[in-house]
Structure formats: structure tokens, C-alpha cells
C-alpha atoms as a PDB file:
ATOM      1  CA  MET A   1     103.116  79.351  90.243  1.00  0.00           C
ATOM      2  CA  GLU A   2     104.718  80.933  88.828  1.00  0.00           C
ATOM      3  CA  LEU A   3     106.803  84.358  89.462  1.00  0.00           C
ATOM      4  CA  SER A   4     106.040  85.388  85.807  1.00  0.00           C
ATOM      5  CA  GLY A   5     102.433  85.136  85.983  1.00  0.00           C
ATOM      6  CA  LEU A   6     101.526  86.789  89.289  1.00  0.00           C
ATOM      7  CA  LYS A   7     100.080  90.662  89.915  1.00  0.00           C
ATOM      8  CA  LEU A   8     100.049  93.203  91.650  1.00  0.00           C
ATOM      9  CA  SER A   9      96.600  92.348  92.594  1.00  0.00           C
ATOM     10  CA  ASP A  10      97.522  88.952  93.671  1.00  0.00           C
ATOM     11  CA  ILE A  11     100.592  89.228  96.527  1.00  0.00           C
ATOM     12  CA  HIS A  12      98.936  89.972 100.418  1.00  0.00           C
ATOM     13  CA  PRO A  13     100.698  92.821 102.256  1.00  0.00           C
ATOM     14  CA  SER A  14     102.287  91.353 106.137  1.00  0.00           C
ATOM     15  CA  GLN A  15     102.668  96.053 106.233  1.00  0.00           C
ATOM     16  CA  PHE A  16      99.996  98.464 106.754  1.00  0.00           C
ATOM     17  CA  TYR A  17     101.485 100.994 105.984  1.00  0.00           C
ATOM     18  CA  ILE A  18     103.685 102.664 104.072  1.00  0.00           C
ATOM     19  CA  SER A  19     105.702 106.312 105.109  1.00  0.00           C
ATOM     20  CA  LEU A  20     105.406 108.797 104.163  1.00  0.00           C
ATOM     21  CA  GLU A  21     109.181 109.557 102.810  1.00  0.00           C
ATOM     22  CA  LYS A  22     109.931 106.463 102.128  1.00  0.00           C
ATOM     23  CA  LEU A  23     107.689 106.349  99.059  1.00  0.00           C
ATOM     24  CA  ARG A  24     109.041 109.884  98.335  1.00  0.00           C
ATOM     25  CA  GLN A  25     112.155 108.670  97.887  1.00  0.00           C
ATOM     26  CA  VAL A  26     111.522 105.669  95.655  1.00  0.00           C
ATOM     27  CA  GLU A  27     109.338 108.459  93.150  1.00  0.00           C
ATOM     28  CA  LYS A  28     112.333 109.223  92.834  1.00  0.00           C
ATOM     29  CA  TRP A  29     113.824 107.061  91.173  1.00  0.00           C
ATOM     30  CA  PHE A  30     111.557 105.084  89.680  1.00  0.00           C
ATOM     31  CA  ARG A  31     110.677 104.752  86.349  1.00  0.00           C
ATOM     32  CA  PRO A  32     107.443 102.623  85.535  1.00  0.00           C
ATOM     33  CA  ASP A  33     108.684 102.600  81.450  1.00  0.00           C
ATOM     34  CA  ASP A  34     111.961 101.271  83.688  1.00  0.00           C
ATOM     35  CA  LEU A  35     112.570  98.012  85.475  1.00  0.00           C
ATOM     36  CA  SER A  36     116.317  97.494  85.291  1.00  0.00           C
ATOM     37  CA  HIS A  37     117.273  99.158  88.606  1.00  0.00           C
ATOM     38  CA  PHE A  38     114.229  97.530  89.927  1.00  0.00           C
ATOM     39  CA  GLU A  39     115.252  95.579  92.815  1.00  0.00           C
ATOM     40  CA  PRO A  40     112.903  92.657  92.589  1.00  0.00           C
ATOM     41  CA  VAL A  41     109.809  92.094  96.242  1.00  0.00           C
ATOM     42  CA  PRO A  42     110.389  89.053  97.939  1.00  0.00           C
ATOM     43  CA  VAL A  43     107.408  86.734  98.001  1.00  0.00           C
ATOM     44  CA  LYS A  44     106.837  83.954  99.457  1.00  0.00           C
ATOM     45  CA  ARG A  45     103.890  80.861 100.124  1.00  0.00           C
ATOM     46  CA  LEU A  46     102.795  80.883 103.359  1.00  0.00           C
ATOM     47  CA  ASN A  47      99.585  79.350 104.256  1.00  0.00           C
ATOM     48  CA  GLY A  48      98.388  78.950 101.551  1.00  0.00           C
ATOM     49  CA  ARG A  49      98.812  83.273  99.783  1.00  0.00           C
ATOM     50  CA  ILE A  50     101.930  84.729  98.621  1.00  0.00           C
ATOM     51  CA  ILE A  51     102.959  87.531 101.091  1.00  0.00           C
ATOM     52  CA  PHE A  52     105.016  90.490  99.942  1.00  0.00           C
ATOM     53  CA  THR A  53     108.645  90.321 102.475  1.00  0.00           C
ATOM     54  CA  ASP A  54     108.649  93.008 101.428  1.00  0.00           C
ATOM     55  CA  GLY A  55     108.988  96.015  98.998  1.00  0.00           C
ATOM     56  CA  HIS A  56     106.082  97.241  99.890  1.00  0.00           C
ATOM     57  CA  THR A  57     107.241 100.996  99.432  1.00  0.00           C
ATOM     58  CA  ARG A  58     108.389 100.080  96.247  1.00  0.00           C
ATOM     59  CA  ALA A  59     105.314  98.015  95.433  1.00  0.00           C
ATOM     60  CA  PHE A  60     103.210 100.859  96.165  1.00  0.00           C
ATOM     61  CA  ALA A  61     105.057 103.158  94.240  1.00  0.00           C
ATOM     62  CA  ALA A  62     104.308 100.675  91.183  1.00  0.00           C
ATOM     63  CA  TYR A  63     100.775 100.520  91.666  1.00  0.00           C
ATOM     64  CA  ARG A  64     100.075 103.748  91.767  1.00  0.00           C
ATOM     65  CA  LYS A  65     102.096 104.439  88.374  1.00  0.00           C
ATOM     66  CA  GLY A  66     100.143 101.938  87.189  1.00  0.00           C
ATOM     67  CA  LEU A  67     101.674  98.725  86.935  1.00  0.00           C
ATOM     68  CA  ALA A  68     100.040  95.278  87.467  1.00  0.00           C
ATOM     69  CA  LYS A  69     103.546  93.951  87.408  1.00  0.00           C
ATOM     70  CA  ILE A  70     106.897  93.989  88.393  1.00  0.00           C
ATOM     71  CA  PRO A  71     109.761  91.802  88.709  1.00  0.00           C
ATOM     72  CA  LEU A  72     109.577  89.727  92.121  1.00  0.00           C
ATOM     73  CA  VAL A  73     111.814  86.445  93.924  1.00  0.00           C
ATOM     74  CA  TRP A  74     111.404  84.683  96.105  1.00  0.00           C
ATOM     75  CA  ASP A  75     112.357  84.969  99.897  1.00  0.00           C
ATOM     76  CA  GLU A  76     114.426  81.812 100.374  1.00  0.00           C
ATOM     77  CA  ASP A  77     115.714  84.184 103.359  1.00  0.00           C
ATOM     78  CA  GLU A  78     114.767  82.348 107.061  1.00  0.00           C
ATOM     79  CA  LEU A  79     112.834  84.681 108.764  1.00  0.00           C
ATOM     80  CA  ASP A  80     110.246  84.350 111.833  1.00  0.00           C
ATOM     81  CA  TRP A  81     107.925  82.413 109.398  1.00  0.00           C
ATOM     82  CA  GLU A  82     104.663  82.805 112.281  1.00  0.00           C
ATOM     83  CA  ALA A  83     105.853  87.050 112.456  1.00  0.00           C
ATOM     84  CA  TYR A  84     104.701  87.329 109.407  1.00  0.00           C
ATOM     85  CA  GLN A  85     101.919  85.331 109.751  1.00  0.00           C
ATOM     86  CA  LEU A  86     100.906  87.186 112.436  1.00  0.00           C
ATOM     87  CA  CYS A  87     101.263  90.820 109.788  1.00  0.00           C
ATOM     88  CA  ALA A  88     100.048  89.660 107.311  1.00  0.00           C
ATOM     89  CA  ASP A  89      96.162  87.914 109.665  1.00  0.00           C
ATOM     90  CA  ALA A  90      96.886  91.678 110.887  1.00  0.00           C
ATOM     91  CA  CYS A  91      96.983  93.102 107.103  1.00  0.00           C
ATOM     92  CA  SER A  92      93.550  90.607 107.195  1.00  0.00           C
ATOM     93  CA  SER A  93      91.929  91.822 109.885  1.00  0.00           C
ATOM     94  CA  ARG A  94      91.958  95.731 108.455  1.00  0.00           C
ATOM     95  CA  GLY A  95      90.517  95.074 104.831  1.00  0.00           C
ATOM     96  CA  ILE A  96      94.095  95.299 103.623  1.00  0.00           C
ATOM     97  CA  HIS A  97      93.899  92.559 100.849  1.00  0.00           C
ATOM     98  CA  THR A  98      96.428  93.665  98.137  1.00  0.00           C
ATOM     99  CA  ILE A  99      98.724  96.051  98.127  1.00  0.00           C
ATOM    100  CA  SER A 100      96.293  99.016  96.518  1.00  0.00           C
ATOM    101  CA  ASP A 101      94.593  98.548  99.771  1.00  0.00           C
ATOM    102  CA  LEU A 102      97.390 100.698 101.781  1.00  0.00           C
ATOM    103  CA  GLN A 103      96.686 104.161  99.587  1.00  0.00           C
ATOM    104  CA  ASP A 104      94.775 105.584 102.644  1.00  0.00           C
ATOM    105  CA  ARG A 105      97.206 104.641 104.686  1.00  0.00           C
ATOM    106  CA  VAL A 106     100.051 106.919 103.844  1.00  0.00           C
ATOM    107  CA  VAL A 107     101.928 108.734 106.727  1.00  0.00           C
ATOM    108  CA  ASP A 108     104.114 110.245 107.946  1.00  0.00           C
ATOM    109  CA  ALA A 109     107.940 108.818 109.513  1.00  0.00           C
ATOM    110  CA  ASP A 110     106.574 110.003 113.392  1.00  0.00           C
ATOM    111  CA  VAL A 111     103.058 108.062 112.262  1.00  0.00           C
ATOM    112  CA  TYR A 112     104.920 105.421 110.443  1.00  0.00           C
ATOM    113  CA  GLN A 113     107.446 104.491 113.554  1.00  0.00           C
ATOM    114  CA  HIS A 114     104.547 104.415 116.467  1.00  0.00           C
ATOM    115  CA  LEU A 115     101.361 102.955 114.246  1.00  0.00           C
ATOM    116  CA  TRP A 116     104.373 100.510 112.553  1.00  0.00           C
ATOM    117  CA  ASN A 117     107.399  99.668 114.007  1.00  0.00           C
ATOM    118  CA  ASP A 118     106.662 100.038 117.669  1.00  0.00           C
ATOM    119  CA  TRP A 119     103.907  97.212 116.334  1.00  0.00           C
ATOM    120  CA  CYS A 120     106.374  95.944 115.091  1.00  0.00           C
ATOM    121  CA  ASP A 121     108.229  95.302 117.796  1.00  0.00           C
ATOM    122  CA  THR A 122     106.178  94.779 119.758  1.00  0.00           C
ATOM    123  CA  LEU A 123     104.897  91.791 118.261  1.00  0.00           C
ATOM    124  CA  HIS A 124     108.622  90.253 118.180  1.00  0.00           C
ATOM    125  CA  GLU A 125     108.920  91.263 122.364  1.00  0.00           C
ATOM    126  CA  ILE A 126     105.852  89.059 122.317  1.00  0.00           C
ATOM    127  CA  LEU A 127     106.268  86.566 120.720  1.00  0.00           C
ATOM    128  CA  ALA A 128     109.998  86.185 122.822  1.00  0.00           C
ATOM    129  CA  LEU A 129     108.395  86.018 125.968  1.00  0.00           C
ATOM    130  CA  ARG A 130     105.756  83.884 124.508  1.00  0.00           C
ATOM    131  CA  ARG A 131     108.981  81.813 123.087  1.00  0.00           C
ATOM    132  CA  SER A 132     110.580  81.507 126.263  1.00  0.00           C
ATOM    133  CA  ARG A 133     108.339  80.070 128.854  1.00  0.00           C
ATOM    134  CA  PRO A 134     105.422  78.217 126.288  1.00  0.00           C
ATOM    135  CA  SER A 135     103.987  76.775 129.561  1.00  0.00           C
ATOM    136  CA  LEU A 136     103.285  79.853 130.638  1.00  0.00           C
ATOM    137  CA  TYR A 137     100.797  80.191 127.300  1.00  0.00           C
ATOM    138  CA  SER A 138     100.127  76.373 126.798  1.00  0.00           C
ATOM    139  CA  ASP A 139      96.447  77.036 128.716  1.00  0.00           C
ATOM    140  CA  TYR A 140      95.767  80.141 126.206  1.00  0.00           C
ATOM    141  CA  ASN A 141      93.759  80.559 122.949  1.00  0.00           C
ATOM    142  CA  GLY A 142      95.794  83.911 121.098  1.00  0.00           C
ATOM    143  CA  ASN A 143      91.730  85.206 121.496  1.00  0.00           C
ATOM    144  CA  GLY A 144      91.797  86.452 124.830  1.00  0.00           C
ATOM    145  CA  ASP A 145      90.458  84.158 126.556  1.00  0.00           C
ATOM    146  CA  GLU A 146      91.696  80.413 129.022  1.00  0.00           C
ATOM    147  CA  SER A 147      90.840  77.138 127.412  1.00  0.00           C
END
């Protein structure tokens, strides 16, 4: 799919909270009628869906200003795609499928730190442990039950 054809509503978030402070900073410089200073938001095709890999706050600010499209770029970085998949799945399980679904999830810095950053830190710790000791998890199916 061509990036220029993607709308905000076509892209799945991989983050389930927005920092109010970060949003206020973006809204200070953001001009929906002039996107010349708008850094393209990175996206990636992951297991059949296009996800945001960064730039959720900028995308959300654009949504709030009524834009259907923003500058996008394919993310070519070597990132932890398993972690991104788990984040996108966590969004889905919370009913977050598009950037507009984050409307009621704009939170203060301390809440953002606790509910999003700490969640991510825990996810990465679990993944690191699982990767360092795969034999410990070979009988575990990920649902809290042994196979």
C-alpha cells in the first residue's frame, strides 16, 4: 500500500495512552494548514496491519484538528517487533484500533508514567527474561495456562 493513500483511520496504534504534557507541546507548534514542519510519523506493516511505531502524540494532535491524513514514513529501523506486536495486541484488547480511540486516554505525566512507561518497562523485562531462558517458557502458552 502506498503511504500517501493511508488515512489516520487506517493505522493501528501501538500505544494506549497519550501524555497530556506531550500533547500540549505538540499543539504549540502544530498547524494543520501547514505540515511543512511536521516530521513524518513512522509506520510498519506488522502481521497484516499497519501500525504506528512512534509519533502517536503528533498523530493524535492531527486527528483532534480534523486531519484525515498526515505525513508518514515506513519505519526501516531494526526494532523489537515482538514487543510492538504485543503492544498493538494490547491496544486491540483495550478497544483501541485507531488514533481516535485514544480520545479518552489523554493523561497527566505521572499517570502516563505509571500506566504506559512502566507497562512498557515491564513488558521489556518479561521479554528479556523469556529470551534469556526459553526453556523455562517452552510449556507455557502465554495465556496463564500450561499447554
